[in-house]
Amino acid sequence: MAFRNILDGAASFGAALVTSAVCGLPAWFTITAIRADIAPVWAYAAAGGLGVIGIILTLAFVRKGIGGVAPTRQRRR
C-alpha cells in the first residue's frame, strides 16, 4: 500500500516537472521575443498569464507529490 503512494507521489512530481516545462518555456520564449522586438509589448500579458497558470499547477502537483496522491486523484488510494 505504501509503495503505491510512493509511485503516485513520483507521478505527481513528474507531472509538476512537465507542467513547468510546458508553461515555462513558451512564456520565456515570448518574453525573449518581446525583448528582441519580434512580438508586441502586449504579449507580456499572455506570457504573464501563462506563467501564473504554470506556477499554480506546478505547486498543486508538488503538493500532491508530497502527500503521495496521484496526479489525477484528489485523495490517496
PDB file of N, CA and C in Angstrom:
ATOM      1  N   MET A   1       0.825  -1.200   0.000  1.00  0.00           N
ATOM      2  CA  MET A   1       0.000   0.000   0.000  1.00  0.00           C
ATOM      3  C   MET A   1       0.871   1.266   0.000  1.00  0.00           C
ATOM      4  N   ALA A   2       1.916   1.289   0.814  1.00  0.00           N
ATOM      5  CA  ALA A   2       2.777   2.470   0.881  1.00  0.00           C
ATOM      6  C   ALA A   2       3.568   2.640  -0.414  1.00  0.00           C
ATOM      7  N   PHE A   3       3.913   1.499  -1.055  1.00  0.00           N
ATOM      8  CA  PHE A   3       4.658   1.578  -2.311  1.00  0.00           C
ATOM      9  C   PHE A   3       3.834   2.271  -3.392  1.00  0.00           C
ATOM     10  N   ARG A   4       2.534   2.022  -3.385  1.00  0.00           N
ATOM     11  CA  ARG A   4       1.655   2.676  -4.356  1.00  0.00           C
ATOM     12  C   ARG A   4       1.633   4.188  -4.125  1.00  0.00           C
ATOM     13  N   ASN A   5       1.633   4.610  -2.862  1.00  0.00           N
ATOM     14  CA  ASN A   5       1.648   6.041  -2.560  1.00  0.00           C
ATOM     15  C   ASN A   5       2.954   6.690  -2.999  1.00  0.00           C
ATOM     16  N   ILE A   6       4.062   5.943  -2.879  1.00  0.00           N
ATOM     17  CA  ILE A   6       5.345   6.477  -3.332  1.00  0.00           C
ATOM     18  C   ILE A   6       5.332   6.651  -4.849  1.00  0.00           C
ATOM     19  N   LEU A   7       4.796   5.670  -5.563  1.00  0.00           N
ATOM     20  CA  LEU A   7       4.704   5.783  -7.023  1.00  0.00           C
ATOM     21  C   LEU A   7       3.758   6.904  -7.435  1.00  0.00           C
ATOM     22  N   ASP A   8       2.639   7.033  -6.719  1.00  0.00           N
ATOM     23  CA  ASP A   8       1.706   8.125  -7.020  1.00  0.00           C
ATOM     24  C   ASP A   8       2.360   9.483  -6.784  1.00  0.00           C
ATOM     25  N   GLY A   9       3.131   9.598  -5.708  1.00  0.00           N
ATOM     26  CA  GLY A   9       3.842  10.848  -5.436  1.00  0.00           C
ATOM     27  C   GLY A   9       4.874  11.145  -6.506  1.00  0.00           C
ATOM     28  N   ALA A  10       5.584  10.105  -6.948  1.00  0.00           N
ATOM     29  CA  ALA A  10       6.570  10.293  -8.016  1.00  0.00           C
ATOM     30  C   ALA A  10       5.891  10.727  -9.307  1.00  0.00           C
ATOM     31  N   ALA A  11       4.727  10.172  -9.587  1.00  0.00           N
ATOM     32  CA  ALA A  11       3.981  10.585 -10.780  1.00  0.00           C
ATOM     33  C   ALA A  11       3.561  12.047 -10.678  1.00  0.00           C
ATOM     34  N   SER A  12       3.186  12.480  -9.490  1.00  0.00           N
ATOM     35  CA  SER A  12       2.798  13.878  -9.306  1.00  0.00           C
ATOM     36  C   SER A  12       3.992  14.806  -9.469  1.00  0.00           C
ATOM     37  N   PHE A  13       5.154  14.394  -8.957  1.00  0.00           N
ATOM     38  CA  PHE A  13       6.354  15.203  -9.158  1.00  0.00           C
ATOM     39  C   PHE A  13       6.721  15.264 -10.640  1.00  0.00           C
ATOM     40  N   GLY A  14       6.548  14.169 -11.356  1.00  0.00           N
ATOM     41  CA  GLY A  14       6.780  14.166 -12.793  1.00  0.00           C
ATOM     42  C   GLY A  14       5.821  15.094 -13.516  1.00  0.00           C
ATOM     43  N   ALA A  15       4.562  15.083 -13.087  1.00  0.00           N
ATOM     44  CA  ALA A  15       3.570  15.984 -13.684  1.00  0.00           C
ATOM     45  C   ALA A  15       3.929  17.439 -13.403  1.00  0.00           C
ATOM     46  N   ALA A  16       4.482  17.714 -12.223  1.00  0.00           N
ATOM     47  CA  ALA A  16       4.913  19.079 -11.899  1.00  0.00           C
ATOM     48  C   ALA A  16       6.050  19.510 -12.814  1.00  0.00           C
ATOM     49  N   LEU A  17       6.972  18.604 -13.071  1.00  0.00           N
ATOM     50  CA  LEU A  17       8.094  18.920 -13.958  1.00  0.00           C
ATOM     51  C   LEU A  17       7.618  19.183 -15.383  1.00  0.00           C
ATOM     52  N   VAL A  18       6.729  18.342 -15.876  1.00  0.00           N
ATOM     53  CA  VAL A  18       6.202  18.515 -17.235  1.00  0.00           C
ATOM     54  C   VAL A  18       5.392  19.807 -17.328  1.00  0.00           C
ATOM     55  N   THR A  19       4.592  20.093 -16.307  1.00  0.00           N
ATOM     56  CA  THR A  19       3.782  21.312 -16.311  1.00  0.00           C
ATOM     57  C   THR A  19       4.653  22.557 -16.333  1.00  0.00           C
ATOM     58  N   SER A  20       5.708  22.553 -15.530  1.00  0.00           N
ATOM     59  CA  SER A  20       6.578  23.728 -15.516  1.00  0.00           C
ATOM     60  C   SER A  20       7.278  23.913 -16.865  1.00  0.00           C
ATOM     61  N   ALA A  21       7.621  22.819 -17.534  1.00  0.00           N
ATOM     62  CA  ALA A  21       8.248  22.928 -18.859  1.00  0.00           C
ATOM     63  C   ALA A  21       7.249  23.395 -19.907  1.00  0.00           C
ATOM     64  N   VAL A  22       6.043  22.837 -19.865  1.00  0.00           N
ATOM     65  CA  VAL A  22       5.028  23.177 -20.872  1.00  0.00           C
ATOM     66  C   VAL A  22       4.587  24.633 -20.743  1.00  0.00           C
ATOM     67  N   CYS A  23       4.531  25.140 -19.533  1.00  0.00           N
ATOM     68  CA  CYS A  23       4.108  26.533 -19.346  1.00  0.00           C
ATOM     69  C   CYS A  23       5.288  27.507 -19.313  1.00  0.00           C
ATOM     70  N   GLY A  24       6.410  27.059 -18.775  1.00  0.00           N
ATOM     71  CA  GLY A  24       7.540  27.964 -18.603  1.00  0.00           C
ATOM     72  C   GLY A  24       8.286  28.288 -19.887  1.00  0.00           C
ATOM     73  N   LEU A  25       8.513  27.297 -20.712  1.00  0.00           N
ATOM     74  CA  LEU A  25       9.268  27.540 -21.943  1.00  0.00           C
ATOM     75  C   LEU A  25       8.570  28.495 -22.903  1.00  0.00           C
ATOM     76  N   PRO A  26       7.269  28.315 -23.187  1.00  0.00           N
ATOM     77  CA  PRO A  26       6.623  29.299 -24.072  1.00  0.00           C
ATOM     78  C   PRO A  26       6.593  30.707 -23.482  1.00  0.00           C
ATOM     79  N   ALA A  27       6.426  30.804 -22.160  1.00  0.00           N
ATOM     80  CA  ALA A  27       6.440  32.125 -21.531  1.00  0.00           C
ATOM     81  C   ALA A  27       7.816  32.765 -21.672  1.00  0.00           C
ATOM     82  N   TRP A  28       8.864  31.985 -21.475  1.00  0.00           N
ATOM     83  CA  TRP A  28      10.226  32.512 -21.612  1.00  0.00           C
ATOM     84  C   TRP A  28      10.516  32.937 -23.049  1.00  0.00           C
ATOM     85  N   PHE A  29      10.108  32.104 -24.016  1.00  0.00           N
ATOM     86  CA  PHE A  29      10.332  32.458 -25.418  1.00  0.00           C
ATOM     87  C   PHE A  29       9.531  33.700 -25.812  1.00  0.00           C
ATOM     88  N   THR A  30       8.349  33.857 -25.259  1.00  0.00           N
ATOM     89  CA  THR A  30       7.551  35.048 -25.553  1.00  0.00           C
ATOM     90  C   THR A  30       8.243  36.296 -25.031  1.00  0.00           C
ATOM     91  N   ILE A  31       8.750  36.214 -23.809  1.00  0.00           N
ATOM     92  CA  ILE A  31       9.452  37.366 -23.237  1.00  0.00           C
ATOM     93  C   ILE A  31      10.716  37.673 -24.042  1.00  0.00           C
ATOM     94  N   THR A  32      11.410  36.644 -24.468  1.00  0.00           N
ATOM     95  CA  THR A  32      12.600  36.845 -25.298  1.00  0.00           C
ATOM     96  C   THR A  32      12.236  37.498 -26.629  1.00  0.00           C
ATOM     97  N   ALA A  33      11.121  37.080 -27.215  1.00  0.00           N
ATOM     98  CA  ALA A  33      10.681  37.677 -28.481  1.00  0.00           C
ATOM     99  C   ALA A  33      10.269  39.132 -28.300  1.00  0.00           C
ATOM    100  N   ILE A  34       9.671  39.461 -27.177  1.00  0.00           N
ATOM    101  CA  ILE A  34       9.292  40.855 -26.918  1.00  0.00           C
ATOM    102  C   ILE A  34      10.537  41.720 -26.787  1.00  0.00           C
ATOM    103  N   ARG A  35      11.530  41.227 -26.068  1.00  0.00           N
ATOM    104  CA  ARG A  35      12.766  41.990 -25.876  1.00  0.00           C
ATOM    105  C   ARG A  35      13.548  42.156 -27.178  1.00  0.00           C
ATOM    106  N   ALA A  36      13.374  41.216 -28.116  1.00  0.00           N
ATOM    107  CA  ALA A  36      14.043  41.309 -29.419  1.00  0.00           C
ATOM    108  C   ALA A  36      13.207  42.088 -30.434  1.00  0.00           C
ATOM    109  N   ASP A  37      12.115  42.686 -29.994  1.00  0.00           N
ATOM    110  CA  ASP A  37      11.204  43.459 -30.849  1.00  0.00           C
ATOM    111  C   ASP A  37      10.585  42.626 -31.957  1.00  0.00           C
ATOM    112  N   ILE A  38      10.369  41.356 -31.697  1.00  0.00           N
ATOM    113  CA  ILE A  38       9.678  40.484 -32.652  1.00  0.00           C
ATOM    114  C   ILE A  38       8.192  40.436 -32.336  1.00  0.00           C
ATOM    115  N   ALA A  39       7.865  40.417 -31.053  1.00  0.00           N
ATOM    116  CA  ALA A  39       6.469  40.357 -30.605  1.00  0.00           C
ATOM    117  C   ALA A  39       6.085  41.713 -30.013  1.00  0.00           C
ATOM    118  N   PRO A  40       4.785  42.043 -30.038  1.00  0.00           N
ATOM    119  CA  PRO A  40       4.350  43.329 -29.471  1.00  0.00           C
ATOM    120  C   PRO A  40       4.415  43.306 -27.939  1.00  0.00           C
ATOM    121  N   VAL A  41       4.423  44.483 -27.356  1.00  0.00           N
ATOM    122  CA  VAL A  41       4.562  44.619 -25.906  1.00  0.00           C
ATOM    123  C   VAL A  41       3.383  44.004 -25.160  1.00  0.00           C
ATOM    124  N   TRP A  42       2.194  44.027 -25.768  1.00  0.00           N
ATOM    125  CA  TRP A  42       1.026  43.481 -25.068  1.00  0.00           C
ATOM    126  C   TRP A  42       1.145  41.973 -24.845  1.00  0.00           C
ATOM    127  N   ALA A  43       2.089  41.323 -25.499  1.00  0.00           N
ATOM    128  CA  ALA A  43       2.281  39.884 -25.302  1.00  0.00           C
ATOM    129  C   ALA A  43       2.831  39.567 -23.916  1.00  0.00           C
ATOM    130  N   TYR A  44       3.329  40.593 -23.199  1.00  0.00           N
ATOM    131  CA  TYR A  44       3.722  40.378 -21.801  1.00  0.00           C
ATOM    132  C   TYR A  44       2.542  39.852 -20.989  1.00  0.00           C
ATOM    133  N   ALA A  45       1.331  40.310 -21.285  1.00  0.00           N
ATOM    134  CA  ALA A  45       0.142  39.851 -20.554  1.00  0.00           C
ATOM    135  C   ALA A  45      -0.084  38.361 -20.773  1.00  0.00           C
ATOM    136  N   ALA A  46       0.068  37.915 -22.006  1.00  0.00           N
ATOM    137  CA  ALA A  46      -0.103  36.492 -22.304  1.00  0.00           C
ATOM    138  C   ALA A  46       0.984  35.659 -21.633  1.00  0.00           C
ATOM    139  N   ALA A  47       2.219  36.138 -21.678  1.00  0.00           N
ATOM    140  CA  ALA A  47       3.317  35.412 -21.034  1.00  0.00           C
ATOM    141  C   ALA A  47       3.127  35.370 -19.525  1.00  0.00           C
ATOM    142  N   GLY A  48       2.687  36.474 -18.965  1.00  0.00           N
ATOM    143  CA  GLY A  48       2.434  36.512 -17.519  1.00  0.00           C
ATOM    144  C   GLY A  48       1.306  35.591 -17.118  1.00  0.00           C
ATOM    145  N   GLY A  49       0.229  35.591 -17.907  1.00  0.00           N
ATOM    146  CA  GLY A  49      -0.888  34.689 -17.609  1.00  0.00           C
ATOM    147  C   GLY A  49      -0.479  33.233 -17.685  1.00  0.00           C
ATOM    148  N   LEU A  50       0.274  32.879 -18.708  1.00  0.00           N
ATOM    149  CA  LEU A  50       0.755  31.509 -18.841  1.00  0.00           C
ATOM    150  C   LEU A  50       1.698  31.149 -17.700  1.00  0.00           C
ATOM    151  N   GLY A  51       2.533  32.091 -17.298  1.00  0.00           N
ATOM    152  CA  GLY A  51       3.437  31.853 -16.179  1.00  0.00           C
ATOM    153  C   GLY A  51       2.702  31.638 -14.872  1.00  0.00           C
ATOM    154  N   VAL A  52       1.679  32.443 -14.623  1.00  0.00           N
ATOM    155  CA  VAL A  52       0.899  32.303 -13.386  1.00  0.00           C
ATOM    156  C   VAL A  52       0.163  30.968 -13.359  1.00  0.00           C
ATOM    157  N   ILE A  53      -0.443  30.600 -14.469  1.00  0.00           N
ATOM    158  CA  ILE A  53      -1.137  29.308 -14.539  1.00  0.00           C
ATOM    159  C   ILE A  53      -0.146  28.162 -14.321  1.00  0.00           C
ATOM    160  N   GLY A  54       1.028  28.267 -14.928  1.00  0.00           N
ATOM    161  CA  GLY A  54       2.042  27.241 -14.747  1.00  0.00           C
ATOM    162  C   GLY A  54       2.502  27.117 -13.307  1.00  0.00           C
ATOM    163  N   ILE A  55       2.684  28.244 -12.632  1.00  0.00           N
ATOM    164  CA  ILE A  55       3.094  28.217 -11.220  1.00  0.00           C
ATOM    165  C   ILE A  55       2.020  27.576 -10.361  1.00  0.00           C
ATOM    166  N   ILE A  56       0.767  27.944 -10.581  1.00  0.00           N
ATOM    167  CA  ILE A  56      -0.328  27.385  -9.785  1.00  0.00           C
ATOM    168  C   ILE A  56      -0.422  25.872  -9.975  1.00  0.00           C
ATOM    169  N   LEU A  57      -0.380  25.420 -11.224  1.00  0.00           N
ATOM    170  CA  LEU A  57      -0.473  23.988 -11.487  1.00  0.00           C
ATOM    171  C   LEU A  57       0.747  23.229 -10.963  1.00  0.00           C
ATOM    172  N   THR A  58       1.925  23.804 -11.122  1.00  0.00           N
ATOM    173  CA  THR A  58       3.131  23.145 -10.627  1.00  0.00           C
ATOM    174  C   THR A  58       3.081  22.993  -9.118  1.00  0.00           C
ATOM    175  N   LEU A  59       2.679  24.038  -8.412  1.00  0.00           N
ATOM    176  CA  LEU A  59       2.575  23.947  -6.952  1.00  0.00           C
ATOM    177  C   LEU A  59       1.518  22.937  -6.522  1.00  0.00           C
ATOM    178  N   ALA A  60       0.427  22.846  -7.272  1.00  0.00           N
ATOM    179  CA  ALA A  60      -0.610  21.864  -6.938  1.00  0.00           C
ATOM    180  C   ALA A  60      -0.075  20.442  -7.104  1.00  0.00           C
ATOM    181  N   PHE A  61       0.680  20.190  -8.175  1.00  0.00           N
ATOM    182  CA  PHE A  61       1.248  18.855  -8.373  1.00  0.00           C
ATOM    183  C   PHE A  61       2.330  18.549  -7.340  1.00  0.00           C
ATOM    184  N   VAL A  62       3.106  19.541  -6.947  1.00  0.00           N
ATOM    185  CA  VAL A  62       4.116  19.324  -5.903  1.00  0.00           C
ATOM    186  C   VAL A  62       3.438  18.983  -4.584  1.00  0.00           C
ATOM    187  N   ARG A  63       2.349  19.683  -4.261  1.00  0.00           N
ATOM    188  CA  ARG A  63       1.605  19.391  -3.037  1.00  0.00           C
ATOM    189  C   ARG A  63       1.070  17.966  -3.071  1.00  0.00           C
ATOM    190  N   LYS A  64       0.556  17.539  -4.205  1.00  0.00           N
ATOM    191  CA  LYS A  64       0.079  16.169  -4.344  1.00  0.00           C
ATOM    192  C   LYS A  64       1.231  15.181  -4.220  1.00  0.00           C
ATOM    193  N   GLY A  65       2.379  15.519  -4.775  1.00  0.00           N
ATOM    194  CA  GLY A  65       3.535  14.640  -4.682  1.00  0.00           C
ATOM    195  C   GLY A  65       4.002  14.455  -3.257  1.00  0.00           C
ATOM    196  N   ILE A  66       3.993  15.520  -2.481  1.00  0.00           N
ATOM    197  CA  ILE A  66       4.385  15.428  -1.073  1.00  0.00           C
ATOM    198  C   ILE A  66       3.400  14.557  -0.305  1.00  0.00           C
ATOM    199  N   GLY A  67       2.126  14.659  -0.652  1.00  0.00           N
ATOM    200  CA  GLY A  67       1.101  13.871   0.026  1.00  0.00           C
ATOM    201  C   GLY A  67       0.959  12.452  -0.488  1.00  0.00           C
ATOM    202  N   GLY A  68       1.646  12.104  -1.567  1.00  0.00           N
ATOM    203  CA  GLY A  68       1.548  10.762  -2.120  1.00  0.00           C
ATOM    204  C   GLY A  68       0.266  10.518  -2.888  1.00  0.00           C
ATOM    205  N   VAL A  69      -0.269  11.570  -3.478  1.00  0.00           N
ATOM    206  CA  VAL A  69      -1.517  11.473  -4.226  1.00  0.00           C
ATOM    207  C   VAL A  69      -1.198  11.461  -5.724  1.00  0.00           C
ATOM    208  N   ALA A  70      -1.886  10.614  -6.465  1.00  0.00           N
ATOM    209  CA  ALA A  70      -1.682  10.550  -7.919  1.00  0.00           C
ATOM    210  C   ALA A  70      -2.144  11.862  -8.557  1.00  0.00           C
ATOM    211  N   PRO A  71      -1.565  12.221  -9.714  1.00  0.00           N
ATOM    212  CA  PRO A  71      -1.922  13.495 -10.350  1.00  0.00           C
ATOM    213  C   PRO A  71      -3.401  13.605 -10.731  1.00  0.00           C
ATOM    214  N   THR A  72      -4.045  12.476 -11.031  1.00  0.00           N
ATOM    215  CA  THR A  72      -5.437  12.527 -11.469  1.00  0.00           C
ATOM    216  C   THR A  72      -6.435  12.277 -10.347  1.00  0.00           C
ATOM    217  N   ARG A  73      -5.953  12.162  -9.133  1.00  0.00           N
ATOM    218  CA  ARG A  73      -6.845  11.902  -7.992  1.00  0.00           C
ATOM    219  C   ARG A  73      -6.812  13.070  -7.023  1.00  0.00           C
ATOM    220  N   GLN A  74      -7.818  13.122  -6.149  1.00  0.00           N
ATOM    221  CA  GLN A  74      -7.868  14.156  -5.145  1.00  0.00           C
ATOM    222  C   GLN A  74      -7.445  13.640  -3.778  1.00  0.00           C
ATOM    223  N   ARG A  75      -7.518  12.334  -3.585  1.00  0.00           N
ATOM    224  CA  ARG A  75      -7.123  11.727  -2.305  1.00  0.00           C
ATOM    225  C   ARG A  75      -6.266  10.504  -2.573  1.00  0.00           C
ATOM    226  N   ARG A  76      -5.635  10.017  -1.516  1.00  0.00           N
ATOM    227  CA  ARG A  76      -4.858   8.781  -1.629  1.00  0.00           C
ATOM    228  C   ARG A  76      -5.764   7.607  -1.927  1.00  0.00           C
ATOM    229  N   ARG A  77      -5.189   6.617  -2.558  1.00  0.00           N
ATOM    230  CA  ARG A  77      -5.953   5.387  -2.799  1.00  0.00           C
ATOM    231  C   ARG A  77      -5.868   4.490  -1.600  1.00  0.00           C
TER     232      ARG A  77
END
